[in-house]
Amino acid sequence: MDDLAPEEIDRLHAELVALNEELLLLVDISESDSRPVDLDQPIGRLSRMDAIAQQKISQANRQAAQARAKSVQSAIQRIAEGEYGDCLACGEPIGVHRLKVKPEAAFCIVCQSQREKASSVSASR
């Protein structure tokens, strides 16, 4: 946390708490849109296909919001433990500018790039 001043941590903490509330609300709201489509509904085949496609999009958005909320909650926990702002992989400071853009970031830009590169290589196999 050497890179972050206490007032910056307080501001980022407030942003994380607000973001967490927003994401949890989004997850709650999207629950009904993610439910399975009733195939017995008296609608046309194309309408049913549209409903199923919309349901899949809603499910994907809901899963993304849940994953981000988990990252945000983890960042809030790291603040409480005094570990916020340090990369979980290399231990170096993440950087104020990165945290301002993505306050839940757990990795510095170098380690995050390596993780993304490794996951894209393994996904292409």
C-alpha atoms as a PDB file:
ATOM      1  CA  MET A   1       0.000   0.000   0.000  1.00  0.00           C
ATOM      2  CA  ASP A   2       3.039   2.293  -0.214  1.00  0.00           C
ATOM      3  CA  ASP A   3       1.706   3.769  -3.446  1.00  0.00           C
ATOM      4  CA  LEU A   4      -1.633   4.888  -1.983  1.00  0.00           C
ATOM      5  CA  ALA A   5      -2.252   7.721   0.453  1.00  0.00           C
ATOM      6  CA  PRO A   6      -4.839   7.058   3.188  1.00  0.00           C
ATOM      7  CA  GLU A   7      -7.293   9.528   1.630  1.00  0.00           C
ATOM      8  CA  GLU A   8      -6.979   7.730  -1.719  1.00  0.00           C
ATOM      9  CA  ILE A   9      -7.724   4.419  -0.035  1.00  0.00           C
ATOM     10  CA  ASP A  10     -10.773   5.965   1.663  1.00  0.00           C
ATOM     11  CA  ARG A  11     -12.043   7.337  -1.651  1.00  0.00           C
ATOM     12  CA  LEU A  12     -11.469   4.033  -3.452  1.00  0.00           C
ATOM     13  CA  HIS A  13     -13.144   2.167  -0.580  1.00  0.00           C
ATOM     14  CA  ALA A  14     -16.227   4.383  -0.943  1.00  0.00           C
ATOM     15  CA  GLU A  15     -16.242   3.739  -4.699  1.00  0.00           C
ATOM     16  CA  LEU A  16     -15.963  -0.014  -4.122  1.00  0.00           C
ATOM     17  CA  VAL A  17     -18.833  -0.044  -1.623  1.00  0.00           C
ATOM     18  CA  ALA A  18     -21.055   1.937  -4.036  1.00  0.00           C
ATOM     19  CA  LEU A  19     -20.055  -0.309  -6.955  1.00  0.00           C
ATOM     20  CA  ASN A  20     -20.806  -3.415  -4.890  1.00  0.00           C
ATOM     21  CA  GLU A  21     -24.298  -2.142  -4.070  1.00  0.00           C
ATOM     22  CA  GLU A  22     -24.912  -1.297  -7.729  1.00  0.00           C
ATOM     23  CA  LEU A  23     -23.777  -4.726  -8.909  1.00  0.00           C
ATOM     24  CA  LEU A  24     -25.850  -6.575  -6.307  1.00  0.00           C
ATOM     25  CA  LEU A  25     -28.893  -4.560  -7.356  1.00  0.00           C
ATOM     26  CA  LEU A  26     -28.203  -5.429 -11.001  1.00  0.00           C
ATOM     27  CA  VAL A  27     -27.948  -9.124 -10.087  1.00  0.00           C
ATOM     28  CA  ASP A  28     -31.280  -8.957  -8.232  1.00  0.00           C
ATOM     29  CA  ILE A  29     -33.027  -7.123 -11.070  1.00  0.00           C
ATOM     30  CA  SER A  30     -31.697  -9.488 -13.732  1.00  0.00           C
ATOM     31  CA  GLU A  31     -32.843 -12.619 -11.894  1.00  0.00           C
ATOM     32  CA  SER A  32     -36.298 -12.648 -13.481  1.00  0.00           C
ATOM     33  CA  ASP A  33     -34.868 -12.098 -16.985  1.00  0.00           C
ATOM     34  CA  SER A  34     -32.526 -15.060 -16.516  1.00  0.00           C
ATOM     35  CA  ARG A  35     -35.231 -17.582 -15.745  1.00  0.00           C
ATOM     36  CA  PRO A  36     -35.862 -20.340 -18.286  1.00  0.00           C
ATOM     37  CA  VAL A  37     -38.264 -19.518 -21.085  1.00  0.00           C
ATOM     38  CA  ASP A  38     -41.600 -21.315 -20.775  1.00  0.00           C
ATOM     39  CA  LEU A  39     -41.757 -23.432 -23.903  1.00  0.00           C
ATOM     40  CA  ASP A  40     -45.506 -23.902 -23.490  1.00  0.00           C
ATOM     41  CA  GLN A  41     -46.204 -20.196 -23.999  1.00  0.00           C
ATOM     42  CA  PRO A  42     -48.594 -19.614 -26.893  1.00  0.00           C
ATOM     43  CA  ILE A  43     -46.131 -17.531 -28.947  1.00  0.00           C
ATOM     44  CA  GLY A  44     -44.648 -18.030 -32.361  1.00  0.00           C
ATOM     45  CA  ARG A  45     -41.449 -19.918 -33.011  1.00  0.00           C
ATOM     46  CA  LEU A  46     -39.445 -16.755 -33.807  1.00  0.00           C
ATOM     47  CA  SER A  47     -40.747 -15.004 -30.701  1.00  0.00           C
ATOM     48  CA  ARG A  48     -39.736 -18.000 -28.619  1.00  0.00           C
ATOM     49  CA  MET A  49     -36.268 -17.991 -30.226  1.00  0.00           C
ATOM     50  CA  ASP A  50     -35.960 -14.268 -29.434  1.00  0.00           C
ATOM     51  CA  ALA A  51     -37.031 -14.921 -25.849  1.00  0.00           C
ATOM     52  CA  ILE A  52     -34.448 -17.680 -25.482  1.00  0.00           C
ATOM     53  CA  ALA A  53     -31.714 -15.496 -26.982  1.00  0.00           C
ATOM     54  CA  GLN A  54     -32.664 -12.649 -24.634  1.00  0.00           C
ATOM     55  CA  GLN A  55     -32.612 -15.064 -21.694  1.00  0.00           C
ATOM     56  CA  LYS A  56     -29.079 -16.203 -22.611  1.00  0.00           C
ATOM     57  CA  ILE A  57     -27.892 -12.595 -22.833  1.00  0.00           C
ATOM     58  CA  SER A  58     -29.460 -11.843 -19.447  1.00  0.00           C
ATOM     59  CA  GLN A  59     -27.810 -14.908 -17.923  1.00  0.00           C
ATOM     60  CA  ALA A  60     -24.396 -13.880 -19.279  1.00  0.00           C
ATOM     61  CA  ASN A  61     -24.817 -10.315 -18.002  1.00  0.00           C
ATOM     62  CA  ARG A  62     -25.931 -11.607 -14.610  1.00  0.00           C
ATOM     63  CA  GLN A  63     -22.937 -13.948 -14.355  1.00  0.00           C
ATOM     64  CA  ALA A  64     -20.571 -11.109 -15.296  1.00  0.00           C
ATOM     65  CA  ALA A  65     -22.125  -8.855 -12.641  1.00  0.00           C
ATOM     66  CA  GLN A  66     -21.828 -11.629 -10.043  1.00  0.00           C
ATOM     67  CA  ALA A  67     -18.164 -12.198 -10.918  1.00  0.00           C
ATOM     68  CA  ARG A  68     -17.369  -8.489 -10.730  1.00  0.00           C
ATOM     69  CA  ALA A  69     -19.238  -8.168  -7.422  1.00  0.00           C
ATOM     70  CA  LYS A  70     -17.076 -10.986  -6.063  1.00  0.00           C
ATOM     71  CA  SER A  71     -13.931  -9.110  -7.173  1.00  0.00           C
ATOM     72  CA  VAL A  72     -15.212  -5.904  -5.593  1.00  0.00           C
ATOM     73  CA  GLN A  73     -15.972  -7.696  -2.320  1.00  0.00           C
ATOM     74  CA  SER A  74     -12.490  -9.215  -2.383  1.00  0.00           C
ATOM     75  CA  ALA A  75     -10.978  -5.741  -2.825  1.00  0.00           C
ATOM     76  CA  ILE A  76     -13.023  -4.426   0.112  1.00  0.00           C
ATOM     77  CA  GLN A  77     -11.686  -7.331   2.184  1.00  0.00           C
ATOM     78  CA  ARG A  78      -8.100  -6.529   1.119  1.00  0.00           C
ATOM     79  CA  ILE A  79      -8.618  -2.949   2.322  1.00  0.00           C
ATOM     80  CA  ALA A  80      -9.811  -4.258   5.692  1.00  0.00           C
ATOM     81  CA  GLU A  81      -6.731  -6.504   5.917  1.00  0.00           C
ATOM     82  CA  GLY A  82      -4.331  -3.722   4.868  1.00  0.00           C
ATOM     83  CA  GLU A  83      -3.326  -5.556   1.685  1.00  0.00           C
ATOM     84  CA  TYR A  84      -5.124  -3.379  -0.863  1.00  0.00           C
ATOM     85  CA  GLY A  85      -3.055  -1.875  -3.634  1.00  0.00           C
ATOM     86  CA  ASP A  86      -0.453  -4.622  -3.855  1.00  0.00           C
ATOM     87  CA  CYS A  87      -0.453  -7.149  -6.689  1.00  0.00           C
ATOM     88  CA  LEU A  88      -1.505 -10.607  -5.531  1.00  0.00           C
ATOM     89  CA  ALA A  89       0.995 -12.212  -7.905  1.00  0.00           C
ATOM     90  CA  CYS A  90       4.228 -10.224  -7.557  1.00  0.00           C
ATOM     91  CA  GLY A  91       3.548  -8.091  -4.471  1.00  0.00           C
ATOM     92  CA  GLU A  92       4.454  -4.850  -6.213  1.00  0.00           C
ATOM     93  CA  PRO A  93       2.118  -1.815  -6.008  1.00  0.00           C
ATOM     94  CA  ILE A  94      -0.707  -2.003  -8.535  1.00  0.00           C
ATOM     95  CA  GLY A  95      -0.592   1.720  -9.172  1.00  0.00           C
ATOM     96  CA  VAL A  96      -2.953   4.544  -8.350  1.00  0.00           C
ATOM     97  CA  HIS A  97      -3.945   5.165 -11.960  1.00  0.00           C
ATOM     98  CA  ARG A  98      -4.966   1.521 -12.520  1.00  0.00           C
ATOM     99  CA  LEU A  99      -6.932   1.461  -9.266  1.00  0.00           C
ATOM    100  CA  LYS A 100      -8.730   4.673 -10.197  1.00  0.00           C
ATOM    101  CA  VAL A 101      -9.900   3.020 -13.418  1.00  0.00           C
ATOM    102  CA  LYS A 102     -10.572  -0.422 -11.927  1.00  0.00           C
ATOM    103  CA  PRO A 103     -10.652  -0.162  -8.127  1.00  0.00           C
ATOM    104  CA  GLU A 104     -11.181  -3.916  -7.715  1.00  0.00           C
ATOM    105  CA  ALA A 105      -7.962  -4.740  -9.597  1.00  0.00           C
ATOM    106  CA  ALA A 106      -6.011  -7.460  -7.785  1.00  0.00           C
ATOM    107  CA  PHE A 107      -3.022  -7.576 -10.134  1.00  0.00           C
ATOM    108  CA  CYS A 108      -0.610  -5.007 -11.538  1.00  0.00           C
ATOM    109  CA  ILE A 109      -0.852  -4.400 -15.265  1.00  0.00           C
ATOM    110  CA  VAL A 110       2.166  -6.641 -16.038  1.00  0.00           C
ATOM    111  CA  CYS A 111       0.825  -9.629 -14.082  1.00  0.00           C
ATOM    112  CA  GLN A 112      -2.710  -9.110 -15.410  1.00  0.00           C
ATOM    113  CA  SER A 113      -1.377  -9.073 -18.982  1.00  0.00           C
ATOM    114  CA  GLN A 114       0.528 -12.307 -18.342  1.00  0.00           C
ATOM    115  CA  ARG A 115      -2.601 -13.938 -16.864  1.00  0.00           C
ATOM    116  CA  GLU A 116      -4.718 -12.904 -19.860  1.00  0.00           C
ATOM    117  CA  LYS A 117      -2.086 -14.098 -22.301  1.00  0.00           C
ATOM    118  CA  ALA A 118      -1.827 -17.456 -20.522  1.00  0.00           C
ATOM    119  CA  SER A 119      -5.601 -17.901 -20.443  1.00  0.00           C
ATOM    120  CA  SER A 120      -5.952 -17.046 -24.129  1.00  0.00           C
ATOM    121  CA  VAL A 121      -3.232 -19.579 -25.010  1.00  0.00           C
ATOM    122  CA  SER A 122      -4.891 -22.331 -22.961  1.00  0.00           C
ATOM    123  CA  ALA A 123      -8.336 -21.430 -24.357  1.00  0.00           C
ATOM    124  CA  SER A 124      -7.093 -21.760 -27.932  1.00  0.00           C
ATOM    125  CA  ARG A 125      -5.931 -25.340 -27.355  1.00  0.00           C
END
